[in-house]
Each structure stands twice: as structure tokens, then as C-alpha cells.
Protein backbone atom coordinates (compact mmCIF):
# COMPACT_ATOMS: atom_id res chain seq x y z
CA MET A 1 -29.73 -2.30 -2.18
CA ASN A 2 -28.38 1.18 -2.90
CA PRO A 3 -28.57 2.37 -6.51
CA PRO A 4 -25.26 1.57 -8.27
CA GLU A 5 -24.39 5.24 -8.66
CA GLU A 6 -24.68 5.70 -4.89
CA LEU A 7 -22.16 2.98 -4.11
CA PHE A 8 -19.19 5.06 -5.18
CA LYS A 9 -20.17 8.31 -3.48
CA LEU A 10 -17.97 9.54 -0.64
CA SER A 11 -20.14 12.34 0.73
CA GLU A 12 -19.34 13.19 4.36
CA LYS A 13 -16.22 10.96 4.23
CA VAL A 14 -12.74 12.27 5.05
CA ALA A 15 -9.72 10.98 3.12
CA VAL A 16 -5.99 11.38 3.77
CA VAL A 17 -3.71 11.08 0.73
CA THR A 18 0.05 10.97 1.25
CA GLY A 19 2.49 11.89 -1.49
CA ALA A 20 -0.18 14.30 -2.73
CA SER A 21 2.06 17.12 -3.95
CA SER A 22 2.42 15.80 -7.50
CA GLY A 23 1.69 13.04 -10.00
CA LEU A 24 -0.50 10.13 -9.07
CA GLY A 25 -1.24 11.52 -5.62
CA VAL A 26 -2.77 14.65 -7.11
CA ALA A 27 -4.99 12.65 -9.48
CA ILE A 28 -6.15 10.40 -6.63
CA ALA A 29 -6.87 13.34 -4.31
CA LYS A 30 -8.89 15.11 -7.01
CA GLY A 31 -10.86 11.95 -7.73
CA LEU A 32 -11.76 11.44 -4.07
CA ALA A 33 -12.79 15.09 -3.76
CA ALA A 34 -14.94 14.86 -6.90
CA ALA A 35 -16.75 11.91 -5.32
CA GLY A 36 -17.64 14.08 -2.34
CA ALA A 37 -14.88 13.43 0.19
CA SER A 38 -13.10 16.08 2.20
CA VAL A 39 -9.44 15.52 1.41
CA VAL A 40 -6.29 16.03 3.48
CA LEU A 41 -3.27 16.27 1.20
CA ALA A 42 0.01 15.32 2.84
CA ALA A 43 3.59 15.50 1.57
CA ARG A 44 6.98 16.97 2.43
CA ARG A 45 6.68 19.81 -0.10
CA GLN A 46 4.00 21.89 1.54
CA ASP A 47 4.22 24.73 -1.00
CA ARG A 48 3.01 22.39 -3.74
CA LEU A 49 0.26 21.09 -1.46
CA LEU A 50 -1.11 24.59 -1.00
CA ASP A 51 -1.40 24.98 -4.78
CA GLN A 52 -3.36 21.71 -4.98
CA VAL A 53 -5.65 22.74 -2.12
CA ALA A 54 -6.35 26.07 -3.83
CA GLU A 55 -7.42 24.21 -6.99
CA LEU A 56 -9.73 21.91 -5.06
CA GLU A 57 -11.28 24.77 -3.11
CA ALA A 58 -11.88 26.63 -6.38
CA ASP A 59 -14.05 23.64 -7.35
CA ASP A 60 -15.98 23.90 -4.06
CA CYS A 61 -14.22 20.89 -2.53
CA MET A 62 -13.13 20.70 1.11
CA ALA A 63 -9.37 20.26 1.38
CA MET A 64 -6.46 20.83 3.73
CA ALA A 65 -2.68 20.65 3.32
CA VAL A 66 -0.41 19.10 5.94
CA GLY A 67 3.36 18.90 5.62
CA CYS A 68 4.43 15.38 6.51
CA ASP A 69 7.42 13.08 6.22
CA VAL A 70 5.74 9.68 6.44
CA SER A 71 8.89 8.06 7.83
CA ASN A 72 8.73 10.38 10.86
CA PRO A 73 6.30 9.05 13.52
CA ASN A 74 5.82 12.55 14.97
CA ASP A 75 4.84 13.93 11.56
CA VAL A 76 2.36 11.08 11.08
CA ASP A 77 0.85 11.68 14.53
CA SER A 78 0.48 15.37 13.69
CA LEU A 79 -1.14 14.53 10.35
CA VAL A 80 -3.83 12.45 12.02
CA SER A 81 -4.32 14.89 14.91
CA ARG A 82 -4.80 17.82 12.54
CA THR A 83 -7.20 15.80 10.39
CA MET A 84 -9.33 14.93 13.41
CA ALA A 85 -9.22 18.50 14.73
CA GLN A 86 -10.37 19.88 11.38
CA PHE A 87 -12.91 17.28 10.30
CA GLY A 88 -13.66 15.12 13.34
CA ARG A 89 -13.35 11.84 11.47
CA LEU A 90 -11.06 9.83 9.20
CA ASP A 91 -12.56 7.29 6.82
CA ILE A 92 -10.01 6.70 4.05
CA LEU A 93 -6.23 6.56 3.86
CA VAL A 94 -4.37 6.37 0.57
CA ASN A 95 -0.74 5.46 1.28
CA ASN A 96 0.81 6.91 -1.86
CA ALA A 97 4.09 8.47 -0.70
CA GLY A 98 7.12 6.74 -2.16
CA ILE A 99 10.61 7.11 -3.61
CA THR A 100 12.86 4.98 -5.81
CA ASN A 101 16.51 4.47 -6.74
CA SER A 102 17.88 3.13 -10.01
CA ASP A 103 21.45 2.13 -9.21
CA PRO A 104 22.60 -1.39 -10.16
CA ALA A 105 22.34 -3.73 -7.19
CA GLU A 106 26.09 -4.39 -7.09
CA SER A 107 26.80 -0.69 -6.54
CA GLU A 108 23.67 0.39 -4.69
CA ASP A 109 24.46 2.29 -1.49
CA PRO A 110 23.01 0.37 1.48
CA GLU A 111 21.98 3.66 3.07
CA ILE A 112 19.94 4.58 0.00
CA PHE A 113 18.42 1.08 0.02
CA ARG A 114 17.38 1.62 3.65
CA LYS A 115 15.96 5.05 2.85
CA VAL A 116 13.73 3.64 0.11
CA LEU A 117 12.40 0.99 2.48
CA ASP A 118 12.01 3.58 5.24
CA ILE A 119 9.71 5.74 3.10
CA ASN A 120 7.91 3.08 1.10
CA VAL A 121 7.44 0.39 3.74
CA THR A 122 7.91 1.88 7.20
CA GLY A 123 6.16 5.09 6.15
CA SER A 124 3.18 3.16 4.82
CA PHE A 125 3.06 1.14 8.02
CA LEU A 126 3.24 4.20 10.27
CA CYS A 127 0.37 5.87 8.41
CA ALA A 128 -1.72 2.70 8.34
CA ARG A 129 -1.04 2.07 12.03
CA ARG A 130 -1.94 5.60 13.15
CA CYS A 131 -4.94 6.05 10.86
CA GLY A 132 -5.96 2.48 11.59
CA LYS A 133 -6.26 3.24 15.31
CA VAL A 134 -8.79 5.97 14.56
CA MET A 135 -10.68 3.75 12.15
CA LEU A 136 -10.72 0.80 14.57
CA GLU A 137 -12.17 2.99 17.29
CA ALA A 138 -14.91 4.07 14.88
CA GLY A 139 -15.47 0.52 13.62
CA ARG A 140 -15.10 1.55 9.97
CA GLY A 141 -12.54 2.64 7.43
CA SER A 142 -10.69 1.85 4.22
CA ILE A 143 -6.92 1.87 3.79
CA ILE A 144 -5.53 1.78 0.26
CA ASN A 145 -1.82 1.15 -0.13
CA VAL A 146 -0.22 2.11 -3.42
CA ALA A 147 1.99 -0.85 -4.32
CA SER A 148 3.33 -1.50 -7.83
CA ILE A 149 3.58 -4.20 -10.46
CA MET A 150 7.21 -4.30 -9.31
CA GLY A 151 5.93 -5.88 -6.14
CA PHE A 152 5.15 -8.98 -8.25
CA VAL A 153 7.78 -9.07 -10.99
CA GLY A 154 11.32 -7.95 -11.69
CA ILE A 155 12.34 -5.90 -14.68
CA GLY A 156 16.15 -6.11 -14.84
CA VAL A 157 16.76 -3.52 -17.55
CA ILE A 158 15.81 -0.81 -15.06
CA PRO A 159 17.73 -1.66 -11.88
CA GLN A 160 15.72 -0.85 -8.76
CA ALA A 161 16.21 -3.57 -6.18
CA ALA A 162 15.25 -1.32 -3.27
CA TYR A 163 12.01 -0.16 -4.89
CA ASN A 164 10.97 -3.67 -5.94
CA ALA A 165 11.77 -5.05 -2.49
CA SER A 166 9.74 -2.27 -0.86
CA LYS A 167 6.69 -2.80 -3.06
CA GLY A 168 6.78 -6.55 -2.50
CA ALA A 169 6.69 -5.78 1.21
CA VAL A 170 3.75 -3.40 0.75
CA VAL A 171 1.81 -6.14 -1.06
CA ASN A 172 2.10 -8.61 1.79
CA MET A 173 1.76 -5.99 4.52
CA THR A 174 -1.58 -5.15 2.92
CA ARG A 175 -2.71 -8.75 3.30
CA GLU A 176 -1.54 -9.00 6.91
CA LEU A 177 -3.19 -5.76 8.04
CA ALA A 178 -6.37 -6.82 6.26
CA ALA A 179 -6.34 -10.15 8.08
CA GLN A 180 -5.79 -8.49 11.46
CA TRP A 181 -8.52 -5.89 11.07
CA ALA A 182 -11.15 -7.62 8.93
CA ARG A 183 -13.47 -8.41 11.85
CA ARG A 184 -13.17 -4.88 13.24
CA GLY A 185 -14.61 -2.93 10.32
CA VAL A 186 -11.40 -1.74 8.68
CA ARG A 187 -10.62 -2.91 5.15
CA VAL A 188 -7.08 -2.82 3.75
CA ASN A 189 -6.47 -3.21 0.02
CA ALA A 190 -3.86 -2.04 -2.47
CA ILE A 191 -3.54 -0.71 -5.98
CA ALA A 192 -0.57 -1.92 -8.05
CA PRO A 193 -0.01 0.56 -10.89
CA GLY A 194 1.97 -0.27 -13.97
CA TRP A 195 3.70 2.46 -15.99
CA PHE A 196 2.25 5.91 -15.41
CA PRO A 197 3.87 9.30 -16.04
CA SER A 198 4.99 10.88 -12.78
CA GLU A 199 8.03 12.54 -11.24
CA MET A 200 9.36 9.10 -10.38
CA THR A 201 9.14 7.85 -13.97
CA GLN A 202 9.97 11.13 -15.71
CA GLY A 203 13.29 9.82 -17.03
CA MET A 204 11.58 6.85 -18.66
CA PHE A 205 9.02 8.99 -20.43
CA GLU A 206 11.57 11.55 -21.61
CA ASP A 207 13.73 8.82 -23.17
CA GLU A 208 12.18 7.73 -26.48
CA ALA A 209 13.77 4.26 -26.42
CA ALA A 210 12.53 3.68 -22.88
CA HIS A 211 9.07 4.95 -23.75
CA ASN A 212 8.96 2.63 -26.75
CA PHE A 213 9.95 -0.24 -24.47
CA ILE A 214 6.89 0.49 -22.31
CA ARG A 215 4.58 0.68 -25.32
CA LYS A 216 5.89 -2.52 -26.92
CA ARG A 217 5.92 -4.53 -23.69
CA THR A 218 2.43 -3.49 -22.50
CA PRO A 219 -0.41 -5.51 -24.11
CA MET A 220 -2.58 -2.40 -24.38
CA GLY A 221 0.26 -0.67 -26.22
CA ARG A 222 0.55 2.40 -24.02
CA ALA A 223 1.29 3.72 -20.57
CA GLY A 224 -1.51 4.65 -18.21
CA ASN A 225 -3.07 8.05 -17.65
CA PRO A 226 -3.05 9.12 -13.97
CA ASP A 227 -6.82 9.62 -14.13
CA GLU A 228 -7.15 5.88 -14.84
CA LEU A 229 -6.22 5.22 -11.21
CA VAL A 230 -9.22 7.18 -9.95
CA GLY A 231 -11.79 4.46 -10.69
CA PRO A 232 -9.92 1.69 -8.83
CA THR A 233 -9.33 4.08 -5.93
CA LEU A 234 -13.01 4.97 -5.69
CA LEU A 235 -13.89 1.28 -5.80
CA LEU A 236 -11.66 0.49 -2.83
CA ALA A 237 -12.50 3.66 -0.90
CA SER A 238 -16.26 3.32 -1.20
CA ASP A 239 -19.04 0.94 -0.23
CA ALA A 240 -18.76 -0.56 -3.71
CA SER A 241 -16.00 -2.78 -2.28
CA SER A 242 -17.58 -3.46 1.11
CA TYR A 243 -16.77 -7.21 0.85
CA MET A 244 -13.21 -6.75 -0.39
CA THR A 245 -10.15 -6.78 1.85
CA GLY A 246 -6.56 -7.91 1.44
CA GLN A 247 -6.81 -7.60 -2.34
CA ILE A 248 -4.29 -6.12 -4.76
CA VAL A 249 -5.94 -4.43 -7.74
CA THR A 250 -3.45 -4.36 -10.61
CA VAL A 251 -3.81 -1.43 -13.03
CA ASP A 252 -1.14 -2.03 -15.65
CA GLY A 253 -2.56 -2.31 -19.16
CA GLY A 254 -1.83 -6.02 -19.02
CA TRP A 255 1.90 -5.85 -18.17
CA THR A 256 1.77 -8.67 -15.61
CA ILE A 257 -0.31 -11.09 -17.70
CA ILE A 258 2.48 -11.96 -20.14
């Protein structure tokens, strides 16, 4: 048995993180790099990616930025091709890219609804499919989908039917991909965050009443810190979870237990 501290190390591993230009994606990418992985940061806003890569390289981490719209199959193919050309392997995918919409369901534009599903569901599938092919050929790999507590429960006071529908789909897509690939060396799990400060939730955290709602409704009495997603990510990315697949790790301060 490896010493416990060795289980979480990612030395010589290569990780792709989508939606890595801000917020939770940045924290996850930094955590993977700190554990020893070479990290490919992908997002549509390449200028922000270059800033993140510069920070990682200043800490002697290996990193690369790739502009990518995850809903575009050609962009996803290019992301994987460039990763393989640069590093020669691909061990970890964190499907973090996502968008939301907060219009009431009765007035929500169907085109916006489709766009949310296109990024959050189809984009996650395209990345898992393309990265999964590389991993299946190698007989190893870990895919981590970023779902949400809104994939399990509704909230009502914050209308986001498209987002909740998309995250529910991500939850069960995780289980299906895990079932298909379990015997071929590729594990597929998901993280379901609760309330964390990010660009997507900025309006909630800037509104005192909304912020109080989060604090009062969460058993732990507070929102999460983005760094608190690093531990669960390292668990699922590393050999520490070698017998885990198809699981959804909820990181929500207790939101879904009451």
C-alpha cells in the first residue's frame, strides 16, 4: 500500500480544466498543479487564461492555455490535439465550463434555454467523449464533471430552470459514462458544489439579502470558499479514489441534507 500522502499526488499526470479563466476553474487548476500535474487551462477568454498560466509558471508549474468553446466540436478536438502534442498524454479532465440564466420559466427564451444546455450538457459530453477516447486507448484516466446541488433540488426563489435541468443531466450522464467505461480503466465522477462565490453567482453575493439567505439556509452558516473544492477534486483525480466511479460528491455545507 502506498503511503497516504502519496495517494493524492499527481506527478507526471496531465489535466485539462475547462472554464478555467475565472472562479472555481482557477482554484481547481491551481490545486491540480500544486499536486504535481501539468495543467491545460481551457476557456473562451484566452487573455484571462494567459494570466493564469503566467501565475502557475511563476510557481514552477507546467501549464498551457488553449482557447476553447466547449460546445464547438472542432474546438474540443483542437484542445485535445494540442494537449497531446505538448504533453503526450491526458490523464484527468475537469468539465467545469458552464453558464446560467435567471429568467422566470414562463418568460425564459427557448433559445437561451437551449444555449445553457448546449454549454453545460453537450459541452461536457463533447469534452468527455473526446478526452475519453484518449484515456480509453491508454487504459486509464479520470473524468470529473462539475455538476451542482441544483442537479438534485430546486430553489424557486432564484429562477433558473435551464441551469437546473442541465445540471440534473450532468449528474446522470456522469453515471452512464461511468457505467460504460468502468471495465476499461476510465473513471467518471462528479462534484456538486453548493454556493460558492464566482462570476456566475456574483449577483447573489453582492446582494446582502440574498447573501443572508445563503447563510441562513446553509447548515454550516456560510458559503463555500473556492479552495474548498480542491480537496474533493484531488480525491477524484488521484489514486485515492481508484475504486470510485459514477459517484457525485456533494460539497455544499449541508444545503441538501435539510
